[in-house]
Amino acid sequence: MNRRTFEHLVTRMIAKIPREFLAEVRNLSFQVETWADAETLAEVGFDDPRDLLGYYRGVPLDERTHDYIGLPDVITLYQGAVENYRDETGEPLGKIVRETIIHELAHYFGFSEEQMDVIEALWVEATEGRGTSAVSD
């Protein structure tokens, strides 16, 4: 898939996020890159760029003070990793993109990776047998 089509898919999946969550989002940019760079992989402790579907970089909302002013936070989706994950799992591309966005938005709202692991494990358990699974970065 070319970059423009993938970016359009990301935009469509962002639009499907419930409005009550998006209404709380401020100063956040969504970006698409082909693969995570070496610096980002080192930050998260990954060796293989195929393992990182998305990444949130910024100051989570629960760590901001009332007078916080800063550069926009960024959620990056890695197209190559997302498409590779689709090829390996057979999951629909839109589902992978949507779940990756939700996962990264959770980090924006202040959830840690450990908290996300618990939430995603509960989600998988609750939806087992329904053809739904979680995606983590």
Protein backbone atom coordinates (compact mmCIF):
# COMPACT_ATOMS: atom_id res chain seq x y z
CA MET A 1 0.00 0.00 0.00
CA ASN A 2 1.37 3.44 -0.78
CA ARG A 3 1.93 6.04 1.95
CA ARG A 4 -0.98 8.28 0.95
CA THR A 5 -3.48 5.39 1.13
CA PHE A 6 -2.09 4.29 4.49
CA GLU A 7 -2.30 7.84 5.85
CA HIS A 8 -5.92 8.02 4.69
CA LEU A 9 -6.62 4.76 6.56
CA VAL A 10 -5.03 6.23 9.71
CA THR A 11 -7.22 9.33 9.38
CA ARG A 12 -10.34 7.17 8.99
CA MET A 13 -9.44 5.10 12.06
CA ILE A 14 -8.80 8.23 14.15
CA ALA A 15 -12.27 9.47 13.15
CA LYS A 16 -13.75 6.25 14.58
CA ILE A 17 -12.36 6.91 18.06
CA PRO A 18 -15.23 7.88 20.39
CA ARG A 19 -15.72 11.63 20.53
CA GLU A 20 -15.53 11.74 24.33
CA PHE A 21 -11.89 10.61 24.10
CA LEU A 22 -10.93 12.79 21.17
CA ALA A 23 -12.51 15.81 22.91
CA GLU A 24 -9.81 15.48 25.61
CA VAL A 25 -6.92 15.41 23.13
CA ARG A 26 -4.88 18.60 22.89
CA ASN A 27 -1.67 19.43 21.10
CA LEU A 28 -1.20 15.95 19.59
CA SER A 29 0.04 15.09 16.12
CA PHE A 30 -0.41 11.76 14.35
CA GLN A 31 2.37 10.83 11.96
CA VAL A 32 3.26 7.90 9.72
CA GLU A 33 6.77 6.61 9.18
CA THR A 34 7.83 3.50 7.31
CA TRP A 35 9.86 1.97 10.15
CA ALA A 36 11.05 3.02 13.60
CA ASP A 37 14.57 4.43 13.61
CA ALA A 38 17.43 3.02 15.69
CA GLU A 39 17.05 5.68 18.40
CA THR A 40 13.36 4.92 18.93
CA LEU A 41 14.01 1.17 18.97
CA ALA A 42 16.71 1.70 21.61
CA GLU A 43 14.29 3.82 23.71
CA VAL A 44 11.76 0.98 23.85
CA GLY A 45 14.34 -1.81 24.06
CA PHE A 46 13.51 -3.47 20.72
CA ASP A 47 16.02 -4.77 18.20
CA ASP A 48 13.68 -5.50 15.32
CA PRO A 49 11.70 -2.62 13.77
CA ARG A 50 8.98 -5.12 12.82
CA ASP A 51 8.11 -5.31 16.54
CA LEU A 52 7.10 -1.66 16.93
CA LEU A 53 3.73 -0.82 15.37
CA GLY A 54 3.35 2.59 16.96
CA TYR A 55 4.97 4.90 19.47
CA TYR A 56 3.80 7.79 21.67
CA ARG A 57 6.34 10.51 22.39
CA GLY A 58 5.42 13.34 24.71
CA VAL A 59 4.28 14.27 28.19
CA PRO A 60 1.24 12.21 29.26
CA LEU A 61 -1.78 14.21 30.40
CA ASP A 62 -1.56 12.95 33.98
CA GLU A 63 1.99 14.37 34.27
CA ARG A 64 1.16 17.88 33.03
CA THR A 65 0.67 20.86 35.27
CA HIS A 66 -2.07 23.43 34.78
CA ASP A 67 0.38 25.78 33.07
CA TYR A 68 1.98 23.19 30.78
CA ILE A 69 3.11 24.58 27.44
CA GLY A 70 5.13 22.43 25.12
CA LEU A 71 5.67 21.16 21.64
CA PRO A 72 2.96 18.89 20.28
CA ASP A 73 3.06 15.29 21.46
CA VAL A 74 3.38 12.79 18.62
CA ILE A 75 1.89 9.39 17.94
CA THR A 76 3.75 7.68 15.13
CA LEU A 77 2.44 4.64 13.30
CA TYR A 78 5.03 2.55 11.50
CA GLN A 79 3.52 1.46 8.20
CA GLY A 80 6.09 -1.25 7.46
CA ALA A 81 5.61 -2.87 10.86
CA VAL A 82 1.81 -2.66 10.66
CA GLU A 83 1.74 -4.22 7.20
CA ASN A 84 4.21 -6.90 8.31
CA TYR A 85 1.97 -7.69 11.30
CA ARG A 86 -1.02 -7.99 8.97
CA ASP A 87 0.90 -10.35 6.71
CA GLU A 88 1.93 -12.51 9.68
CA THR A 89 -1.47 -12.63 11.40
CA GLY A 90 -4.03 -12.15 8.63
CA GLU A 91 -5.82 -9.53 10.73
CA PRO A 92 -7.49 -6.70 8.80
CA LEU A 93 -5.24 -3.68 8.36
CA GLY A 94 -7.88 -1.27 9.64
CA LYS A 95 -8.26 -3.26 12.87
CA ILE A 96 -4.50 -3.24 13.48
CA VAL A 97 -4.28 0.50 12.82
CA ARG A 98 -7.29 1.26 15.05
CA GLU A 99 -5.97 -0.86 17.94
CA THR A 100 -2.49 0.64 17.62
CA ILE A 101 -3.94 4.16 17.73
CA ILE A 102 -6.02 3.30 20.80
CA HIS A 103 -2.98 1.77 22.51
CA GLU A 104 -0.87 4.87 21.86
CA LEU A 105 -3.70 7.20 22.92
CA ALA A 106 -3.83 5.29 26.21
CA HIS A 107 -0.18 6.22 26.74
CA TYR A 108 -1.07 9.85 25.93
CA PHE A 109 -3.72 9.68 28.66
CA GLY A 110 -1.12 8.34 31.10
CA PHE A 111 -1.41 4.55 31.05
CA SER A 112 1.91 2.75 31.45
CA GLU A 113 2.99 -0.18 29.30
CA GLU A 114 2.40 -2.49 32.28
CA GLN A 115 -1.14 -1.16 32.75
CA MET A 116 -1.76 -1.60 29.02
CA ASP A 117 -0.55 -5.21 29.20
CA VAL A 118 -3.14 -5.93 31.91
CA ILE A 119 -5.91 -4.11 30.03
CA GLU A 120 -5.10 -5.88 26.76
CA ALA A 121 -4.91 -9.29 28.48
CA LEU A 122 -8.35 -8.68 29.98
CA TRP A 123 -9.62 -7.54 26.56
CA VAL A 124 -8.33 -10.71 24.88
CA GLU A 125 -9.84 -12.86 27.63
CA ALA A 126 -13.20 -11.07 27.37
CA THR A 127 -13.31 -11.32 23.59
CA GLU A 128 -11.82 -14.79 23.14
CA GLY A 129 -13.85 -16.75 20.65
CA ARG A 130 -15.15 -13.59 18.97
CA GLY A 131 -12.23 -13.24 16.59
CA THR A 132 -10.85 -10.17 18.35
CA SER A 133 -7.36 -9.75 19.72
CA ALA A 134 -5.27 -6.94 21.08
CA VAL A 135 -2.29 -5.31 19.44
CA SER A 136 0.53 -3.86 21.48
CA ASP A 137 3.53 -1.85 20.54
